[in-house]
C-alpha atoms as a PDB file:
ATOM      1  CA  UNK A   1       4.305 -16.550   3.901  1.00  0.00           C
ATOM      2  CA  UNK A   2       5.057 -19.586   6.052  1.00  0.00           C
ATOM      3  CA  UNK A   3       6.615 -19.365   9.506  1.00  0.00           C
ATOM      4  CA  UNK A   4      10.003 -20.563   8.202  1.00  0.00           C
ATOM      5  CA  UNK A   5      10.303 -17.629   5.834  1.00  0.00           C
ATOM      6  CA  UNK A   6       9.289 -15.278   8.646  1.00  0.00           C
ATOM      7  CA  UNK A   7      11.910 -16.712  11.000  1.00  0.00           C
ATOM      8  CA  UNK A   8      14.563 -16.203   8.321  1.00  0.00           C
ATOM      9  CA  UNK A   9      13.389 -12.666   7.521  1.00  0.00           C
ATOM     10  CA  UNK A  10      13.312 -11.677  11.202  1.00  0.00           C
ATOM     11  CA  UNK A  11      16.672 -13.355  11.889  1.00  0.00           C
ATOM     12  CA  UNK A  12      18.276 -11.373   9.074  1.00  0.00           C
ATOM     13  CA  UNK A  13      16.591  -8.169  10.284  1.00  0.00           C
ATOM     14  CA  UNK A  14      18.068  -8.839  13.728  1.00  0.00           C
ATOM     15  CA  UNK A  15      21.503  -9.243  12.120  1.00  0.00           C
ATOM     16  CA  UNK A  16      21.944 -12.831  13.284  1.00  0.00           C
ATOM     17  CA  UNK A  17      23.367 -15.870  11.535  1.00  0.00           C
ATOM     18  CA  UNK A  18      21.692 -19.251  11.875  1.00  0.00           C
ATOM     19  CA  UNK A  19      24.475 -20.264  14.269  1.00  0.00           C
ATOM     20  CA  UNK A  20      23.969 -17.171  16.453  1.00  0.00           C
ATOM     21  CA  UNK A  21      20.207 -17.688  16.617  1.00  0.00           C
ATOM     22  CA  UNK A  22      20.769 -21.366  17.417  1.00  0.00           C
ATOM     23  CA  UNK A  23      22.945 -20.412  20.420  1.00  0.00           C
ATOM     24  CA  UNK A  24      20.360 -17.891  21.638  1.00  0.00           C
ATOM     25  CA  UNK A  25      17.455 -20.347  21.489  1.00  0.00           C
ATOM     26  CA  UNK A  26      19.555 -23.338  22.607  1.00  0.00           C
ATOM     27  CA  UNK A  27      19.136 -25.567  19.563  1.00  0.00           C
ATOM     28  CA  UNK A  28      21.511 -26.756  16.838  1.00  0.00           C
ATOM     29  CA  UNK A  29      22.175 -24.675  13.732  1.00  0.00           C
ATOM     30  CA  UNK A  30      20.600 -27.474  11.657  1.00  0.00           C
ATOM     31  CA  UNK A  31      17.395 -27.123  13.718  1.00  0.00           C
ATOM     32  CA  UNK A  32      17.252 -23.413  12.803  1.00  0.00           C
ATOM     33  CA  UNK A  33      17.793 -24.356   9.153  1.00  0.00           C
ATOM     34  CA  UNK A  34      14.942 -26.881   9.420  1.00  0.00           C
ATOM     35  CA  UNK A  35      12.641 -24.242  10.928  1.00  0.00           C
ATOM     36  CA  UNK A  36      13.485 -21.757   8.172  1.00  0.00           C
ATOM     37  CA  UNK A  37      12.854 -24.287   5.407  1.00  0.00           C
ATOM     38  CA  UNK A  38       9.625 -25.540   7.031  1.00  0.00           C
ATOM     39  CA  UNK A  39      11.035 -29.054   7.430  1.00  0.00           C
ATOM     40  CA  UNK A  40      10.188 -28.925  11.130  1.00  0.00           C
ATOM     41  CA  UNK A  41       8.206 -26.669  13.420  1.00  0.00           C
ATOM     42  CA  UNK A  42       9.649 -25.324  16.704  1.00  0.00           C
ATOM     43  CA  UNK A  43       8.157 -26.620  19.943  1.00  0.00           C
ATOM     44  CA  UNK A  44       6.305 -24.074  22.076  1.00  0.00           C
ATOM     45  CA  UNK A  45       9.203 -23.533  24.513  1.00  0.00           C
ATOM     46  CA  UNK A  46      11.495 -22.836  21.531  1.00  0.00           C
ATOM     47  CA  UNK A  47       8.943 -20.437  20.031  1.00  0.00           C
ATOM     48  CA  UNK A  48       9.085 -18.324  23.198  1.00  0.00           C
ATOM     49  CA  UNK A  49      12.866 -18.183  22.899  1.00  0.00           C
ATOM     50  CA  UNK A  50      12.550 -17.201  19.232  1.00  0.00           C
ATOM     51  CA  UNK A  51      10.157 -14.345  20.106  1.00  0.00           C
ATOM     52  CA  UNK A  52      12.660 -13.017  22.629  1.00  0.00           C
ATOM     53  CA  UNK A  53      15.799 -13.587  20.526  1.00  0.00           C
ATOM     54  CA  UNK A  54      14.313 -11.929  17.447  1.00  0.00           C
ATOM     55  CA  UNK A  55      12.473  -9.245  19.452  1.00  0.00           C
ATOM     56  CA  UNK A  56       9.225 -10.018  17.755  1.00  0.00           C
ATOM     57  CA  UNK A  57       5.633 -10.811  18.576  1.00  0.00           C
ATOM     58  CA  UNK A  58       3.754 -14.014  17.825  1.00  0.00           C
ATOM     59  CA  UNK A  59       1.613 -12.049  15.350  1.00  0.00           C
ATOM     60  CA  UNK A  60       4.641 -10.886  13.408  1.00  0.00           C
ATOM     61  CA  UNK A  61       6.338 -14.293  13.482  1.00  0.00           C
ATOM     62  CA  UNK A  62       3.217 -16.049  12.210  1.00  0.00           C
ATOM     63  CA  UNK A  63       2.673 -13.415   9.538  1.00  0.00           C
ATOM     64  CA  UNK A  64      -0.402 -11.729  10.942  1.00  0.00           C
ATOM     65  CA  UNK A  65      -0.136  -7.977  10.699  1.00  0.00           C
ATOM     66  CA  UNK A  66      -3.280  -5.989  11.417  1.00  0.00           C
ATOM     67  CA  UNK A  67      -3.538  -2.696   9.632  1.00  0.00           C
ATOM     68  CA  UNK A  68      -1.488  -0.161  11.539  1.00  0.00           C
ATOM     69  CA  UNK A  69      -0.492   3.346  10.745  1.00  0.00           C
ATOM     70  CA  UNK A  70       3.036   3.985   9.557  1.00  0.00           C
ATOM     71  CA  UNK A  71       3.630   5.952  12.765  1.00  0.00           C
ATOM     72  CA  UNK A  72       2.710   2.949  14.937  1.00  0.00           C
ATOM     73  CA  UNK A  73       4.986   0.660  12.905  1.00  0.00           C
ATOM     74  CA  UNK A  74       7.858   3.142  13.220  1.00  0.00           C
ATOM     75  CA  UNK A  75       7.407   3.356  16.997  1.00  0.00           C
ATOM     76  CA  UNK A  76       7.232  -0.434  17.310  1.00  0.00           C
ATOM     77  CA  UNK A  77      10.475  -0.838  15.374  1.00  0.00           C
ATOM     78  CA  UNK A  78      12.185   1.612  17.727  1.00  0.00           C
ATOM     79  CA  UNK A  79      10.726  -0.160  20.769  1.00  0.00           C
ATOM     80  CA  UNK A  80      12.019  -3.536  19.564  1.00  0.00           C
ATOM     81  CA  UNK A  81      15.566  -2.146  19.484  1.00  0.00           C
ATOM     82  CA  UNK A  82      15.477  -1.135  23.163  1.00  0.00           C
ATOM     83  CA  UNK A  83      17.072  -3.179  25.919  1.00  0.00           C
ATOM     84  CA  UNK A  84      15.160  -4.261  29.029  1.00  0.00           C
ATOM     85  CA  UNK A  85      15.761  -0.981  30.892  1.00  0.00           C
ATOM     86  CA  UNK A  86      14.613   1.067  27.919  1.00  0.00           C
ATOM     87  CA  UNK A  87      11.438  -0.998  27.586  1.00  0.00           C
ATOM     88  CA  UNK A  88      10.684  -0.580  31.303  1.00  0.00           C
ATOM     89  CA  UNK A  89      11.142   3.192  30.953  1.00  0.00           C
ATOM     90  CA  UNK A  90       8.777   3.279  27.977  1.00  0.00           C
ATOM     91  CA  UNK A  91       6.210   1.242  29.941  1.00  0.00           C
ATOM     92  CA  UNK A  92       6.401   3.632  32.918  1.00  0.00           C
ATOM     93  CA  UNK A  93       6.092   6.690  30.697  1.00  0.00           C
ATOM     94  CA  UNK A  94       3.207   5.162  28.733  1.00  0.00           C
ATOM     95  CA  UNK A  95       1.346   4.303  31.943  1.00  0.00           C
ATOM     96  CA  UNK A  96       1.877   7.840  33.220  1.00  0.00           C
ATOM     97  CA  UNK A  97       0.638   9.385  29.977  1.00  0.00           C
ATOM     98  CA  UNK A  98      -2.437   7.141  29.902  1.00  0.00           C
ATOM     99  CA  UNK A  99      -3.288   8.187  33.458  1.00  0.00           C
ATOM    100  CA  UNK A 100      -2.879  11.835  32.467  1.00  0.00           C
ATOM    101  CA  UNK A 101      -4.979  11.445  29.321  1.00  0.00           C
ATOM    102  CA  UNK A 102      -7.730   9.421  30.966  1.00  0.00           C
ATOM    103  CA  UNK A 103      -7.832  11.828  33.880  1.00  0.00           C
ATOM    104  CA  UNK A 104      -7.562   9.167  36.558  1.00  0.00           C
ATOM    105  CA  UNK A 105      -6.307  11.772  39.009  1.00  0.00           C
ATOM    106  CA  UNK A 106      -5.494  15.391  38.313  1.00  0.00           C
ATOM    107  CA  UNK A 107      -3.740  17.619  40.840  1.00  0.00           C
ATOM    108  CA  UNK A 108      -4.198  21.367  40.567  1.00  0.00           C
ATOM    109  CA  UNK A 109      -3.032  24.266  42.676  1.00  0.00           C
ATOM    110  CA  UNK A 110      -5.842  26.326  44.180  1.00  0.00           C
ATOM    111  CA  UNK A 111      -5.551  29.601  46.036  1.00  0.00           C
ATOM    112  CA  UNK A 112      -7.480  29.632  49.290  1.00  0.00           C
ATOM    113  CA  UNK A 113      -7.102  32.963  51.060  1.00  0.00           C
ATOM    114  CA  UNK A 114      -3.420  33.795  51.558  1.00  0.00           C
ATOM    115  CA  UNK A 115      -2.081  30.232  51.277  1.00  0.00           C
ATOM    116  CA  UNK A 116      -1.654  27.816  48.410  1.00  0.00           C
ATOM    117  CA  UNK A 117      -3.264  24.430  48.816  1.00  0.00           C
ATOM    118  CA  UNK A 118      -3.762  21.455  46.561  1.00  0.00           C
ATOM    119  CA  UNK A 119      -6.977  19.640  45.903  1.00  0.00           C
ATOM    120  CA  UNK A 120      -7.483  16.415  44.011  1.00  0.00           C
ATOM    121  CA  UNK A 121     -10.228  16.066  41.444  1.00  0.00           C
ATOM    122  CA  UNK A 122     -11.280  13.162  39.317  1.00  0.00           C
ATOM    123  CA  UNK A 123     -12.400  13.433  35.750  1.00  0.00           C
ATOM    124  CA  UNK A 124     -15.875  11.934  35.447  1.00  0.00           C
ATOM    125  CA  UNK A 125     -16.249  12.228  31.693  1.00  0.00           C
ATOM    126  CA  UNK A 126     -14.645  14.006  28.784  1.00  0.00           C
ATOM    127  CA  UNK A 127     -16.696  17.148  29.429  1.00  0.00           C
ATOM    128  CA  UNK A 128     -17.451  17.253  33.136  1.00  0.00           C
ATOM    129  CA  UNK A 129     -15.265  17.892  36.136  1.00  0.00           C
ATOM    130  CA  UNK A 130     -17.056  18.186  39.435  1.00  0.00           C
ATOM    131  CA  UNK A 131     -16.273  18.744  43.100  1.00  0.00           C
ATOM    132  CA  UNK A 132     -14.384  21.938  42.361  1.00  0.00           C
ATOM    133  CA  UNK A 133     -14.217  24.600  45.083  1.00  0.00           C
ATOM    134  CA  UNK A 134     -16.175  27.800  44.554  1.00  0.00           C
ATOM    135  CA  UNK A 135     -14.046  30.535  43.067  1.00  0.00           C
ATOM    136  CA  UNK A 136     -15.326  34.059  42.688  1.00  0.00           C
ATOM    137  CA  UNK A 137     -12.230  35.414  40.963  1.00  0.00           C
ATOM    138  CA  UNK A 138     -10.402  38.667  41.634  1.00  0.00           C
ATOM    139  CA  UNK A 139      -8.301  39.636  44.632  1.00  0.00           C
ATOM    140  CA  UNK A 140      -9.310  40.527  48.141  1.00  0.00           C
END
């Protein structure tokens, strides 16, 4: 599929007319028609506007779609529908979850005598955690 057909498909998916897309990317409606029919190719600064206006990636616009699971595609479609605040929230949550999963820093509560204190440990590999305080178990 050529880029023109992809622009048209993505424009329709976004629920935009050629005139609406033209306003968003600051070109004439006839320019959008020319892009969709492969008469002309958008300049690079217009391509960036098209990516943003159609909430798409260069890979999708140019027709490259690596094999992804259906779950990943479903999540990407939801992400594309978010506004800027929603995308920032997803980014923050994703960063937080990656830190948790990769064990960059883990905080645990440890009992030391009669008081609670926190220690910080770092995960060194999937199976080893070191620098833990000695704990003999039981109560005094």
